[in-house]
C-alpha cells in the first residue's frame, strides 16, 4: 500500500526577515525528511493579508509544503510549529492522492479564443 499524501500550509509572522523565512522553510523541510517522509513540493506563497487578525497580525507569509509518509512526520512537524514563535497558524490536511502538476502555458480556452480572433481578422 502506498503512503498517504499530506499538505501542510503554515503562516509565518510578516515582520521576520527574508533570510529567516528561508531558514524556517529549510528547517521544516528537513524535519519532514528526518522523520522518514518525502517532501514532494515546497512553495513560498508570499506575504498576504489575513482574513482576520491572528496574534495582532493583519498579514502573514504563507508557505505550502506537500509531503508523503506514514504519518509520523505530521506529529513532529506540528509540534515544532506549535513551539515556534514565528509560526502564527498551521494546518495539515491528508490528501487523496498526489497534487496535480501545475499547468504551464495558456489555458486551452484562451488558445482557442486567440485562434478564433486570428481567423476572423484574416
PDB file of N, CA and C in Angstrom:
ATOM      1  N   UNK A   1       0.845  -1.185   0.000  1.00  0.00           N
ATOM      2  CA  UNK A   1       0.000   0.000   0.000  1.00  0.00           C
ATOM      3  C   UNK A   1       0.884   1.240   0.000  1.00  0.00           C
ATOM      4  N   UNK A   2       0.520   2.234  -0.805  1.00  0.00           N
ATOM      5  CA  UNK A   2       1.336   3.441  -0.900  1.00  0.00           C
ATOM      6  C   UNK A   2       1.108   4.338   0.315  1.00  0.00           C
ATOM      7  N   UNK A   3       2.067   5.189   0.535  1.00  0.00           N
ATOM      8  CA  UNK A   3       1.987   6.095   1.681  1.00  0.00           C
ATOM      9  C   UNK A   3       1.032   7.242   1.366  1.00  0.00           C
ATOM     10  N   UNK A   4       0.296   7.718   2.373  1.00  0.00           N
ATOM     11  CA  UNK A   4      -0.643   8.813   2.137  1.00  0.00           C
ATOM     12  C   UNK A   4       0.080  10.142   1.880  1.00  0.00           C
ATOM     13  N   UNK A   5      -0.619  11.022   1.210  1.00  0.00           N
ATOM     14  CA  UNK A   5      -0.097  12.344   0.879  1.00  0.00           C
ATOM     15  C   UNK A   5      -0.655  13.368   1.863  1.00  0.00           C
ATOM     16  N   UNK A   6       0.171  14.324   2.226  1.00  0.00           N
ATOM     17  CA  UNK A   6      -0.227  15.384   3.148  1.00  0.00           C
ATOM     18  C   UNK A   6       0.154  16.732   2.562  1.00  0.00           C
ATOM     19  N   UNK A   7      -0.623  17.734   2.931  1.00  0.00           N
ATOM     20  CA  UNK A   7      -0.306  19.103   2.552  1.00  0.00           C
ATOM     21  C   UNK A   7      -0.379  19.951   3.815  1.00  0.00           C
ATOM     22  N   UNK A   8       0.704  20.625   4.127  1.00  0.00           N
ATOM     23  CA  UNK A   8       0.757  21.494   5.295  1.00  0.00           C
ATOM     24  C   UNK A   8       0.899  22.932   4.816  1.00  0.00           C
ATOM     25  N   UNK A   9      -0.005  23.780   5.267  1.00  0.00           N
ATOM     26  CA  UNK A   9       0.079  25.207   4.976  1.00  0.00           C
ATOM     27  C   UNK A   9       0.347  25.891   6.298  1.00  0.00           C
ATOM     28  N   UNK A  10       1.381  26.717   6.337  1.00  0.00           N
ATOM     29  CA  UNK A  10       1.644  27.454   7.563  1.00  0.00           C
ATOM     30  C   UNK A  10       1.895  28.915   7.256  1.00  0.00           C
ATOM     31  N   UNK A  11       1.621  29.755   8.250  1.00  0.00           N
ATOM     32  CA  UNK A  11       1.737  31.200   8.101  1.00  0.00           C
ATOM     33  C   UNK A  11       2.779  31.696   9.092  1.00  0.00           C
ATOM     34  N   UNK A  12       3.768  32.404   8.566  1.00  0.00           N
ATOM     35  CA  UNK A  12       4.820  32.983   9.397  1.00  0.00           C
ATOM     36  C   UNK A  12       4.509  34.450   9.668  1.00  0.00           C
ATOM     37  N   UNK A  13       5.071  34.967  10.757  1.00  0.00           N
ATOM     38  CA  UNK A  13       4.909  36.385  11.083  1.00  0.00           C
ATOM     39  C   UNK A  13       5.408  37.243   9.920  1.00  0.00           C
ATOM     40  N   UNK A  14       4.732  38.352   9.624  1.00  0.00           N
ATOM     41  CA  UNK A  14       5.136  39.166   8.472  1.00  0.00           C
ATOM     42  C   UNK A  14       6.384  40.015   8.712  1.00  0.00           C
ATOM     43  N   UNK A  15       6.790  40.186   9.958  1.00  0.00           N
ATOM     44  CA  UNK A  15       7.902  41.090  10.261  1.00  0.00           C
ATOM     45  C   UNK A  15       9.261  40.401  10.343  1.00  0.00           C
ATOM     46  N   UNK A  16       9.345  39.122  10.002  1.00  0.00           N
ATOM     47  CA  UNK A  16      10.643  38.451  10.056  1.00  0.00           C
ATOM     48  C   UNK A  16      11.374  38.664   8.729  1.00  0.00           C
ATOM     49  N   UNK A  17      12.716  38.756   8.767  1.00  0.00           N
ATOM     50  CA  UNK A  17      13.481  38.993   7.535  1.00  0.00           C
ATOM     51  C   UNK A  17      13.443  37.798   6.578  1.00  0.00           C
ATOM     52  N   UNK A  18      13.753  38.073   5.313  1.00  0.00           N
ATOM     53  CA  UNK A  18      13.708  37.056   4.254  1.00  0.00           C
ATOM     54  C   UNK A  18      14.624  35.872   4.549  1.00  0.00           C
ATOM     55  N   UNK A  19      15.807  36.137   5.110  1.00  0.00           N
ATOM     56  CA  UNK A  19      16.753  35.058   5.422  1.00  0.00           C
ATOM     57  C   UNK A  19      16.165  34.108   6.462  1.00  0.00           C
ATOM     58  N   UNK A  20      15.452  34.673   7.419  1.00  0.00           N
ATOM     59  CA  UNK A  20      14.844  33.849   8.467  1.00  0.00           C
ATOM     60  C   UNK A  20      13.681  33.021   7.912  1.00  0.00           C
ATOM     61  N   UNK A  21      12.974  33.567   6.931  1.00  0.00           N
ATOM     62  CA  UNK A  21      11.899  32.814   6.277  1.00  0.00           C
ATOM     63  C   UNK A  21      12.495  31.590   5.593  1.00  0.00           C
ATOM     64  N   UNK A  22      13.598  31.784   4.867  1.00  0.00           N
ATOM     65  CA  UNK A  22      14.271  30.664   4.199  1.00  0.00           C
ATOM     66  C   UNK A  22      14.765  29.639   5.220  1.00  0.00           C
ATOM     67  N   UNK A  23      15.232  30.115   6.376  1.00  0.00           N
ATOM     68  CA  UNK A  23      15.688  29.220   7.439  1.00  0.00           C
ATOM     69  C   UNK A  23      14.539  28.351   7.940  1.00  0.00           C
ATOM     70  N   UNK A  24      13.366  28.954   8.129  1.00  0.00           N
ATOM     71  CA  UNK A  24      12.188  28.194   8.582  1.00  0.00           C
ATOM     72  C   UNK A  24      11.765  27.166   7.539  1.00  0.00           C
ATOM     73  N   UNK A  25      11.770  27.557   6.271  1.00  0.00           N
ATOM     74  CA  UNK A  25      11.375  26.631   5.204  1.00  0.00           C
ATOM     75  C   UNK A  25      12.311  25.430   5.186  1.00  0.00           C
ATOM     76  N   UNK A  26      13.609  25.687   5.266  1.00  0.00           N
ATOM     77  CA  UNK A  26      14.603  24.609   5.275  1.00  0.00           C
ATOM     78  C   UNK A  26      14.453  23.738   6.513  1.00  0.00           C
ATOM     79  N   UNK A  27      14.207  24.376   7.654  1.00  0.00           N
ATOM     80  CA  UNK A  27      14.064  23.643   8.919  1.00  0.00           C
ATOM     81  C   UNK A  27      12.904  22.651   8.861  1.00  0.00           C
ATOM     82  N   UNK A  28      11.744  23.095   8.382  1.00  0.00           N
ATOM     83  CA  UNK A  28      10.574  22.222   8.346  1.00  0.00           C
ATOM     84  C   UNK A  28      10.696  21.166   7.251  1.00  0.00           C
ATOM     85  N   UNK A  29      11.340  21.508   6.147  1.00  0.00           N
ATOM     86  CA  UNK A  29      11.576  20.516   5.088  1.00  0.00           C
ATOM     87  C   UNK A  29      12.495  19.412   5.604  1.00  0.00           C
ATOM     88  N   UNK A  30      13.568  19.798   6.305  1.00  0.00           N
ATOM     89  CA  UNK A  30      14.498  18.814   6.868  1.00  0.00           C
ATOM     90  C   UNK A  30      13.834  17.962   7.946  1.00  0.00           C
ATOM     91  N   UNK A  31      12.957  18.573   8.730  1.00  0.00           N
ATOM     92  CA  UNK A  31      12.257  17.847   9.788  1.00  0.00           C
ATOM     93  C   UNK A  31      11.396  16.723   9.203  1.00  0.00           C
ATOM     94  N   UNK A  32      10.745  17.007   8.088  1.00  0.00           N
ATOM     95  CA  UNK A  32       9.911  16.000   7.426  1.00  0.00           C
ATOM     96  C   UNK A  32      10.775  14.864   6.890  1.00  0.00           C
ATOM     97  N   UNK A  33      11.892  15.190   6.260  1.00  0.00           N
ATOM     98  CA  UNK A  33      12.752  14.135   5.702  1.00  0.00           C
ATOM     99  C   UNK A  33      13.422  13.316   6.799  1.00  0.00           C
ATOM    100  N   UNK A  34      13.768  13.945   7.930  1.00  0.00           N
ATOM    101  CA  UNK A  34      14.364  13.210   9.048  1.00  0.00           C
ATOM    102  C   UNK A  34      13.370  12.225   9.667  1.00  0.00           C
ATOM    103  N   UNK A  35      12.078  12.523   9.557  1.00  0.00           N
ATOM    104  CA  UNK A  35      11.048  11.633  10.101  1.00  0.00           C
ATOM    105  C   UNK A  35      10.748  10.473   9.149  1.00  0.00           C
ATOM    106  N   UNK A  36      11.469  10.392   8.040  1.00  0.00           N
ATOM    107  CA  UNK A  36      11.299   9.279   7.115  1.00  0.00           C
ATOM    108  C   UNK A  36      10.285   9.522   6.018  1.00  0.00           C
ATOM    109  N   UNK A  37       9.859  10.754   5.841  1.00  0.00           N
ATOM    110  CA  UNK A  37       8.891  11.077   4.797  1.00  0.00           C
ATOM    111  C   UNK A  37       9.611  11.740   3.624  1.00  0.00           C
ATOM    112  N   UNK A  38       8.880  11.928   2.549  1.00  0.00           N
ATOM    113  CA  UNK A  38       9.438  12.538   1.348  1.00  0.00           C
ATOM    114  C   UNK A  38       8.739  13.869   1.096  1.00  0.00           C
ATOM    115  N   UNK A  39       9.522  14.932   0.887  1.00  0.00           N
ATOM    116  CA  UNK A  39       8.962  16.237   0.546  1.00  0.00           C
ATOM    117  C   UNK A  39       8.730  16.254  -0.959  1.00  0.00           C
ATOM    118  N   UNK A  40       7.488  16.456  -1.366  1.00  0.00           N
ATOM    119  CA  UNK A  40       7.141  16.467  -2.783  1.00  0.00           C
ATOM    120  C   UNK A  40       7.253  17.856  -3.384  1.00  0.00           C
ATOM    121  N   UNK A  41       6.860  18.866  -2.620  1.00  0.00           N
ATOM    122  CA  UNK A  41       6.859  20.231  -3.127  1.00  0.00           C
ATOM    123  C   UNK A  41       6.857  21.196  -1.955  1.00  0.00           C
ATOM    124  N   UNK A  42       7.521  22.316  -2.126  1.00  0.00           N
ATOM    125  CA  UNK A  42       7.524  23.367  -1.109  1.00  0.00           C
ATOM    126  C   UNK A  42       7.461  24.697  -1.841  1.00  0.00           C
ATOM    127  N   UNK A  43       6.427  25.477  -1.568  1.00  0.00           N
ATOM    128  CA  UNK A  43       6.237  26.750  -2.245  1.00  0.00           C
ATOM    129  C   UNK A  43       6.021  27.855  -1.234  1.00  0.00           C
ATOM    130  N   UNK A  44       6.758  28.946  -1.411  1.00  0.00           N
ATOM    131  CA  UNK A  44       6.505  30.124  -0.595  1.00  0.00           C
ATOM    132  C   UNK A  44       5.488  30.965  -1.359  1.00  0.00           C
ATOM    133  N   UNK A  45       4.329  31.144  -0.779  1.00  0.00           N
ATOM    134  CA  UNK A  45       3.238  31.860  -1.437  1.00  0.00           C
ATOM    135  C   UNK A  45       3.335  33.373  -1.257  1.00  0.00           C
ATOM    136  N   UNK A  46       4.244  33.825  -0.405  1.00  0.00           N
ATOM    137  CA  UNK A  46       4.450  35.251  -0.228  1.00  0.00           C
ATOM    138  C   UNK A  46       3.605  35.853   0.881  1.00  0.00           C
ATOM    139  N   UNK A  47       3.759  37.152   1.036  1.00  0.00           N
ATOM    140  CA  UNK A  47       3.040  37.878   2.086  1.00  0.00           C
ATOM    141  C   UNK A  47       1.644  38.218   1.586  1.00  0.00           C
ATOM    142  N   UNK A  48       0.650  37.867   2.391  1.00  0.00           N
ATOM    143  CA  UNK A  48      -0.747  38.124   2.044  1.00  0.00           C
ATOM    144  C   UNK A  48      -1.486  38.691   3.246  1.00  0.00           C
ATOM    145  N   UNK A  49      -2.555  39.368   2.951  1.00  0.00           N
ATOM    146  CA  UNK A  49      -3.419  39.893   4.005  1.00  0.00           C
ATOM    147  C   UNK A  49      -4.246  38.741   4.572  1.00  0.00           C
ATOM    148  N   UNK A  50      -4.345  38.683   5.897  1.00  0.00           N
ATOM    149  CA  UNK A  50      -5.118  37.637   6.562  1.00  0.00           C
ATOM    150  C   UNK A  50      -6.605  37.987   6.537  1.00  0.00           C
ATOM    151  N   UNK A  51      -7.447  36.996   6.567  1.00  0.00           N
ATOM    152  CA  UNK A  51      -8.894  37.217   6.575  1.00  0.00           C
ATOM    153  C   UNK A  51      -9.335  37.860   7.886  1.00  0.00           C
ATOM    154  N   UNK A  52      -8.616  37.561   8.949  1.00  0.00           N
ATOM    155  CA  UNK A  52      -8.894  38.146  10.253  1.00  0.00           C
ATOM    156  C   UNK A  52      -7.575  38.245  11.012  1.00  0.00           C
ATOM    157  N   UNK A  53      -7.550  39.059  12.041  1.00  0.00           N
ATOM    158  CA  UNK A  53      -6.331  39.275  12.811  1.00  0.00           C
ATOM    159  C   UNK A  53      -5.962  38.022  13.596  1.00  0.00           C
ATOM    160  N   UNK A  54      -4.690  37.610  13.479  1.00  0.00           N
ATOM    161  CA  UNK A  54      -4.164  36.464  14.222  1.00  0.00           C
ATOM    162  C   UNK A  54      -2.953  36.960  15.002  1.00  0.00           C
ATOM    163  N   UNK A  55      -3.006  36.850  16.319  1.00  0.00           N
ATOM    164  CA  UNK A  55      -1.903  37.268  17.198  1.00  0.00           C
ATOM    165  C   UNK A  55      -1.455  38.694  16.881  1.00  0.00           C
ATOM    166  N   UNK A  56      -2.417  39.585  16.681  1.00  0.00           N
ATOM    167  CA  UNK A  56      -2.198  41.000  16.400  1.00  0.00           C
ATOM    168  C   UNK A  56      -1.519  41.260  15.054  1.00  0.00           C
ATOM    169  N   UNK A  57      -1.603  40.303  14.137  1.00  0.00           N
ATOM    170  CA  UNK A  57      -1.037  40.474  12.796  1.00  0.00           C
ATOM    171  C   UNK A  57      -2.168  40.516  11.779  1.00  0.00           C
ATOM    172  N   UNK A  58      -2.062  41.448  10.826  1.00  0.00           N
ATOM    173  CA  UNK A  58      -3.054  41.546   9.756  1.00  0.00           C
ATOM    174  C   UNK A  58      -2.549  40.923   8.464  1.00  0.00           C
ATOM    175  N   UNK A  59      -1.244  40.624   8.410  1.00  0.00           N
ATOM    176  CA  UNK A  59      -0.636  39.978   7.250  1.00  0.00           C
ATOM    177  C   UNK A  59       0.182  38.791   7.719  1.00  0.00           C
ATOM    178  N   UNK A  60       0.521  37.919   6.784  1.00  0.00           N
ATOM    179  CA  UNK A  60       1.356  36.773   7.111  1.00  0.00           C
ATOM    180  C   UNK A  60       2.057  36.262   5.868  1.00  0.00           C
ATOM    181  N   UNK A  61       3.128  35.521   6.061  1.00  0.00           N
ATOM    182  CA  UNK A  61       3.872  34.921   4.961  1.00  0.00           C
ATOM    183  C   UNK A  61       3.423  33.467   4.856  1.00  0.00           C
ATOM    184  N   UNK A  62       2.781  33.127   3.751  1.00  0.00           N
ATOM    185  CA  UNK A  62       2.221  31.794   3.543  1.00  0.00           C
ATOM    186  C   UNK A  62       3.256  30.862   2.915  1.00  0.00           C
ATOM    187  N   UNK A  63       3.345  29.634   3.438  1.00  0.00           N
ATOM    188  CA  UNK A  63       4.224  28.608   2.885  1.00  0.00           C
ATOM    189  C   UNK A  63       3.426  27.312   2.790  1.00  0.00           C
ATOM    190  N   UNK A  64       3.529  26.636   1.642  1.00  0.00           N
ATOM    191  CA  UNK A  64       2.818  25.381   1.406  1.00  0.00           C
ATOM    192  C   UNK A  64       3.843  24.264   1.253  1.00  0.00           C
ATOM    193  N   UNK A  65       3.644  23.174   1.993  1.00  0.00           N
ATOM    194  CA  UNK A  65       4.571  22.041   1.992  1.00  0.00           C
ATOM    195  C   UNK A  65       3.785  20.764   1.704  1.00  0.00           C
ATOM    196  N   UNK A  66       4.100  20.100   0.592  1.00  0.00           N
ATOM    197  CA  UNK A  66       3.453  18.831   0.236  1.00  0.00           C
ATOM    198  C   UNK A  66       4.426  17.701   0.535  1.00  0.00           C
ATOM    199  N   UNK A  67       3.950  16.663   1.225  1.00  0.00           N
ATOM    200  CA  UNK A  67       4.826  15.560   1.606  1.00  0.00           C
ATOM    201  C   UNK A  67       4.018  14.279   1.706  1.00  0.00           C
ATOM    202  N   UNK A  68       4.720  13.141   1.635  1.00  0.00           N
ATOM    203  CA  UNK A  68       4.049  11.862   1.862  1.00  0.00           C
ATOM    204  C   UNK A  68       4.898  11.015   2.786  1.00  0.00           C
ATOM    205  N   UNK A  69       4.228  10.204   3.571  1.00  0.00           N
ATOM    206  CA  UNK A  69       4.906   9.365   4.551  1.00  0.00           C
ATOM    207  C   UNK A  69       3.880   8.573   5.336  1.00  0.00           C
ATOM    208  N   UNK A  70       4.333   7.952   6.410  1.00  0.00           N
ATOM    209  CA  UNK A  70       3.440   7.104   7.200  1.00  0.00           C
ATOM    210  C   UNK A  70       2.611   7.877   8.223  1.00  0.00           C
ATOM    211  N   UNK A  71       2.781   9.171   8.322  1.00  0.00           N
ATOM    212  CA  UNK A  71       2.008   9.987   9.253  1.00  0.00           C
ATOM    213  C   UNK A  71       2.784  10.407  10.485  1.00  0.00           C
ATOM    214  N   UNK A  72       3.912   9.760  10.749  1.00  0.00           N
ATOM    215  CA  UNK A  72       4.717  10.119  11.921  1.00  0.00           C
ATOM    216  C   UNK A  72       5.306  11.520  11.776  1.00  0.00           C
ATOM    217  N   UNK A  73       5.558  11.941  10.539  1.00  0.00           N
ATOM    218  CA  UNK A  73       6.166  13.249  10.318  1.00  0.00           C
ATOM    219  C   UNK A  73       5.207  14.380  10.657  1.00  0.00           C
ATOM    220  N   UNK A  74       3.912  14.118  10.586  1.00  0.00           N
ATOM    221  CA  UNK A  74       2.925  15.165  10.854  1.00  0.00           C
ATOM    222  C   UNK A  74       2.997  15.605  12.312  1.00  0.00           C
ATOM    223  N   UNK A  75       3.082  14.666  13.227  1.00  0.00           N
ATOM    224  CA  UNK A  75       3.150  14.998  14.653  1.00  0.00           C
ATOM    225  C   UNK A  75       4.422  15.780  14.963  1.00  0.00           C
ATOM    226  N   UNK A  76       5.550  15.350  14.407  1.00  0.00           N
ATOM    227  CA  UNK A  76       6.818  16.047  14.655  1.00  0.00           C
ATOM    228  C   UNK A  76       6.798  17.451  14.059  1.00  0.00           C
ATOM    229  N   UNK A  77       6.245  17.576  12.858  1.00  0.00           N
ATOM    230  CA  UNK A  77       6.176  18.870  12.183  1.00  0.00           C
ATOM    231  C   UNK A  77       5.273  19.837  12.936  1.00  0.00           C
ATOM    232  N   UNK A  78       4.098  19.371  13.334  1.00  0.00           N
ATOM    233  CA  UNK A  78       3.167  20.250  14.039  1.00  0.00           C
ATOM    234  C   UNK A  78       3.668  20.619  15.430  1.00  0.00           C
ATOM    235  N   UNK A  79       4.399  19.732  16.081  1.00  0.00           N
ATOM    236  CA  UNK A  79       4.969  20.062  17.388  1.00  0.00           C
ATOM    237  C   UNK A  79       6.001  21.171  17.246  1.00  0.00           C
ATOM    238  N   UNK A  80       6.856  21.079  16.233  1.00  0.00           N
ATOM    239  CA  UNK A  80       7.865  22.111  16.001  1.00  0.00           C
ATOM    240  C   UNK A  80       7.215  23.450  15.661  1.00  0.00           C
ATOM    241  N   UNK A  81       6.144  23.429  14.891  1.00  0.00           N
ATOM    242  CA  UNK A  81       5.446  24.669  14.535  1.00  0.00           C
ATOM    243  C   UNK A  81       4.731  25.267  15.737  1.00  0.00           C
ATOM    244  N   UNK A  82       4.170  24.411  16.580  1.00  0.00           N
ATOM    245  CA  UNK A  82       3.471  24.885  17.775  1.00  0.00           C
ATOM    246  C   UNK A  82       4.435  25.583  18.725  1.00  0.00           C
ATOM    247  N   UNK A  83       5.675  25.094  18.802  1.00  0.00           N
ATOM    248  CA  UNK A  83       6.664  25.670  19.712  1.00  0.00           C
ATOM    249  C   UNK A  83       7.366  26.899  19.138  1.00  0.00           C
ATOM    250  N   UNK A  84       7.239  27.130  17.846  1.00  0.00           N
ATOM    251  CA  UNK A  84       7.893  28.273  17.211  1.00  0.00           C
ATOM    252  C   UNK A  84       7.065  29.541  17.408  1.00  0.00           C
ATOM    253  N   UNK A  85       7.726  30.622  17.757  1.00  0.00           N
ATOM    254  CA  UNK A  85       7.035  31.899  17.925  1.00  0.00           C
ATOM    255  C   UNK A  85       6.780  32.582  16.585  1.00  0.00           C
ATOM    256  N   UNK A  86       7.491  32.157  15.539  1.00  0.00           N
ATOM    257  CA  UNK A  86       7.346  32.784  14.229  1.00  0.00           C
ATOM    258  C   UNK A  86       6.185  32.214  13.421  1.00  0.00           C
ATOM    259  N   UNK A  87       5.697  31.030  13.765  1.00  0.00           N
ATOM    260  CA  UNK A  87       4.550  30.430  13.071  1.00  0.00           C
ATOM    261  C   UNK A  87       3.289  30.866  13.809  1.00  0.00           C
ATOM    262  N   UNK A  88       2.423  31.605  13.092  1.00  0.00           N
ATOM    263  CA  UNK A  88       1.213  32.095  13.756  1.00  0.00           C
ATOM    264  C   UNK A  88       0.003  31.197  13.499  1.00  0.00           C
ATOM    265  N   UNK A  89       0.081  30.339  12.463  1.00  0.00           N
ATOM    266  CA  UNK A  89      -1.013  29.401  12.191  1.00  0.00           C
ATOM    267  C   UNK A  89      -0.491  28.300  11.270  1.00  0.00           C
ATOM    268  N   UNK A  90      -1.011  27.082  11.436  1.00  0.00           N
ATOM    269  CA  UNK A  90      -0.633  25.966  10.568  1.00  0.00           C
ATOM    270  C   UNK A  90      -1.801  25.002  10.459  1.00  0.00           C
ATOM    271  N   UNK A  91      -1.822  24.250   9.365  1.00  0.00           N
ATOM    272  CA  UNK A  91      -2.863  23.251   9.154  1.00  0.00           C
ATOM    273  C   UNK A  91      -2.313  22.171   8.233  1.00  0.00           C
ATOM    274  N   UNK A  92      -2.494  20.915   8.624  1.00  0.00           N
ATOM    275  CA  UNK A  92      -2.088  19.779   7.800  1.00  0.00           C
ATOM    276  C   UNK A  92      -3.332  19.018   7.380  1.00  0.00           C
ATOM    277  N   UNK A  93      -3.438  18.739   6.081  1.00  0.00           N
ATOM    278  CA  UNK A  93      -4.588  18.050   5.514  1.00  0.00           C
ATOM    279  C   UNK A  93      -4.096  16.808   4.788  1.00  0.00           C
ATOM    280  N   UNK A  94      -4.785  15.684   5.005  1.00  0.00           N
ATOM    281  CA  UNK A  94      -4.457  14.444   4.299  1.00  0.00           C
ATOM    282  C   UNK A  94      -5.144  14.476   2.936  1.00  0.00           C
ATOM    283  N   UNK A  95      -4.375  14.259   1.876  1.00  0.00           N
ATOM    284  CA  UNK A  95      -4.887  14.308   0.507  1.00  0.00           C
ATOM    285  C   UNK A  95      -5.231  12.907   0.010  1.00  0.00           C
ATOM    286  N   UNK A  96      -6.116  12.825  -0.969  1.00  0.00           N
ATOM    287  CA  UNK A  96      -6.483  11.541  -1.569  1.00  0.00           C
ATOM    288  C   UNK A  96      -5.368  10.978  -2.439  1.00  0.00           C
ATOM    289  N   UNK A  97      -4.630  11.838  -3.076  1.00  0.00           N
ATOM    290  CA  UNK A  97      -3.562  11.402  -3.964  1.00  0.00           C
ATOM    291  C   UNK A  97      -2.551  12.514  -4.128  1.00  0.00           C
ATOM    292  N   UNK A  98      -1.589  12.324  -5.012  1.00  0.00           N
ATOM    293  CA  UNK A  98      -0.591  13.375  -5.205  1.00  0.00           C
ATOM    294  C   UNK A  98      -1.232  14.623  -5.788  1.00  0.00           C
ATOM    295  N   UNK A  99      -0.642  15.754  -5.506  1.00  0.00           N
ATOM    296  CA  UNK A  99      -1.146  17.006  -6.037  1.00  0.00           C
ATOM    297  C   UNK A  99      -0.913  17.037  -7.539  1.00  0.00           C
ATOM    298  N   UNK A 100      -1.841  17.597  -8.305  1.00  0.00           N
ATOM    299  CA  UNK A 100      -1.629  17.672  -9.748  1.00  0.00           C
ATOM    300  C   UNK A 100      -0.480  18.625 -10.065  1.00  0.00           C
ATOM    301  N   UNK A 101       0.217  18.335 -11.144  1.00  0.00           N
ATOM    302  CA  UNK A 101       1.330  19.195 -11.552  1.00  0.00           C
ATOM    303  C   UNK A 101       0.779  20.548 -11.977  1.00  0.00           C
ATOM    304  N   UNK A 102       1.479  21.630 -11.655  1.00  0.00           N
ATOM    305  CA  UNK A 102       0.983  22.946 -12.051  1.00  0.00           C
ATOM    306  C   UNK A 102       0.963  23.074 -13.570  1.00  0.00           C
ATOM    307  N   UNK A 103      -0.071  23.727 -14.078  1.00  0.00           N
ATOM    308  CA  UNK A 103      -0.197  23.902 -15.523  1.00  0.00           C
ATOM    309  C   UNK A 103       0.748  24.995 -15.983  1.00  0.00           C
ATOM    310  N   UNK A 104       1.335  24.785 -17.130  1.00  0.00           N
ATOM    311  CA  UNK A 104       2.196  25.800 -17.720  1.00  0.00           C
ATOM    312  C   UNK A 104       1.618  26.182 -19.065  1.00  0.00           C
ATOM    313  N   UNK A 105       1.813  27.423 -19.442  1.00  0.00           N
ATOM    314  CA  UNK A 105       1.296  27.892 -20.718  1.00  0.00           C
ATOM    315  C   UNK A 105      -0.118  28.411 -20.578  1.00  0.00           C
ATOM    316  N   UNK A 106      -0.677  28.905 -21.690  1.00  0.00           N
ATOM    317  CA  UNK A 106      -2.031  29.455 -21.639  1.00  0.00           C
ATOM    318  C   UNK A 106      -3.075  28.358 -21.483  1.00  0.00           C
ATOM    319  N   UNK A 107      -4.196  28.740 -20.944  1.00  0.00           N
ATOM    320  CA  UNK A 107      -5.302  27.803 -20.779  1.00  0.00           C
ATOM    321  C   UNK A 107      -5.837  27.407 -22.148  1.00  0.00           C
ATOM    322  N   UNK A 108      -6.399  26.205 -22.301  1.00  0.00           N
ATOM    323  CA  UNK A 108      -6.907  25.764 -23.606  1.00  0.00           C
ATOM    324  C   UNK A 108      -7.966  26.704 -24.178  1.00  0.00           C
ATOM    325  N   UNK A 109      -8.839  27.240 -23.344  1.00  0.00           N
ATOM    326  CA  UNK A 109      -9.885  28.147 -23.810  1.00  0.00           C
ATOM    327  C   UNK A 109      -9.269  29.415 -24.380  1.00  0.00           C
ATOM    328  N   UNK A 110      -8.253  29.957 -23.736  1.00  0.00           N
ATOM    329  CA  UNK A 110      -7.610  31.179 -24.199  1.00  0.00           C
ATOM    330  C   UNK A 110      -6.938  30.943 -25.546  1.00  0.00           C
ATOM    331  N   UNK A 111      -6.345  29.786 -25.754  1.00  0.00           N
ATOM    332  CA  UNK A 111      -5.685  29.470 -27.017  1.00  0.00           C
ATOM    333  C   UNK A 111      -6.705  29.394 -28.152  1.00  0.00           C
ATOM    334  N   UNK A 112      -7.871  28.794 -27.914  1.00  0.00           N
ATOM    335  CA  UNK A 112      -8.881  28.689 -28.965  1.00  0.00           C
ATOM    336  C   UNK A 112      -9.500  30.055 -29.259  1.00  0.00           C
ATOM    337  N   UNK A 113      -9.654  30.922 -28.249  1.00  0.00           N
ATOM    338  CA  UNK A 113     -10.161  32.275 -28.460  1.00  0.00           C
ATOM    339  C   UNK A 113      -9.194  33.075 -29.316  1.00  0.00           C
ATOM    340  N   UNK A 114      -7.900  32.910 -29.053  1.00  0.00           N
ATOM    341  CA  UNK A 114      -6.878  33.622 -29.810  1.00  0.00           C
ATOM    342  C   UNK A 114      -6.883  33.161 -31.266  1.00  0.00           C
ATOM    343  N   UNK A 115      -7.048  31.862 -31.504  1.00  0.00           N
ATOM    344  CA  UNK A 115      -7.103  31.324 -32.861  1.00  0.00           C
ATOM    345  C   UNK A 115      -8.335  31.854 -33.591  1.00  0.00           C
ATOM    346  N   UNK A 116      -9.447  31.979 -32.892  1.00  0.00           N
ATOM    347  CA  UNK A 116     -10.670  32.495 -33.496  1.00  0.00           C
ATOM    348  C   UNK A 116     -10.502  33.957 -33.880  1.00  0.00           C
ATOM    349  N   UNK A 117      -9.817  34.742 -33.071  1.00  0.00           N
ATOM    350  CA  UNK A 117      -9.575  36.144 -33.381  1.00  0.00           C
ATOM    351  C   UNK A 117      -8.686  36.277 -34.609  1.00  0.00           C
ATOM    352  N   UNK A 118      -7.674  35.436 -34.727  1.00  0.00           N
ATOM    353  CA  UNK A 118      -6.778  35.494 -35.877  1.00  0.00           C
ATOM    354  C   UNK A 118      -7.517  35.098 -37.150  1.00  0.00           C
ATOM    355  N   UNK A 119      -8.424  34.138 -37.063  1.00  0.00           N
ATOM    356  CA  UNK A 119      -9.191  33.686 -38.220  1.00  0.00           C
ATOM    357  C   UNK A 119     -10.143  34.779 -38.689  1.00  0.00           C
ATOM    358  N   UNK A 120     -10.809  35.453 -37.753  1.00  0.00           N
ATOM    359  CA  UNK A 120     -11.765  36.495 -38.116  1.00  0.00           C
ATOM    360  C   UNK A 120     -11.065  37.750 -38.614  1.00  0.00           C
ATOM    361  N   UNK A 121      -9.820  37.985 -38.201  1.00  0.00           N
ATOM    362  CA  UNK A 121      -9.070  39.156 -38.634  1.00  0.00           C
ATOM    363  C   UNK A 121      -8.564  38.983 -40.060  1.00  0.00           C
ATOM    364  N   UNK A 122      -8.427  37.754 -40.530  1.00  0.00           N
ATOM    365  CA  UNK A 122      -7.879  37.486 -41.876  1.00  0.00           C
ATOM    366  C   UNK A 122      -8.850  37.816 -42.962  1.00  0.00           C
TER     367      UNK A 122
END
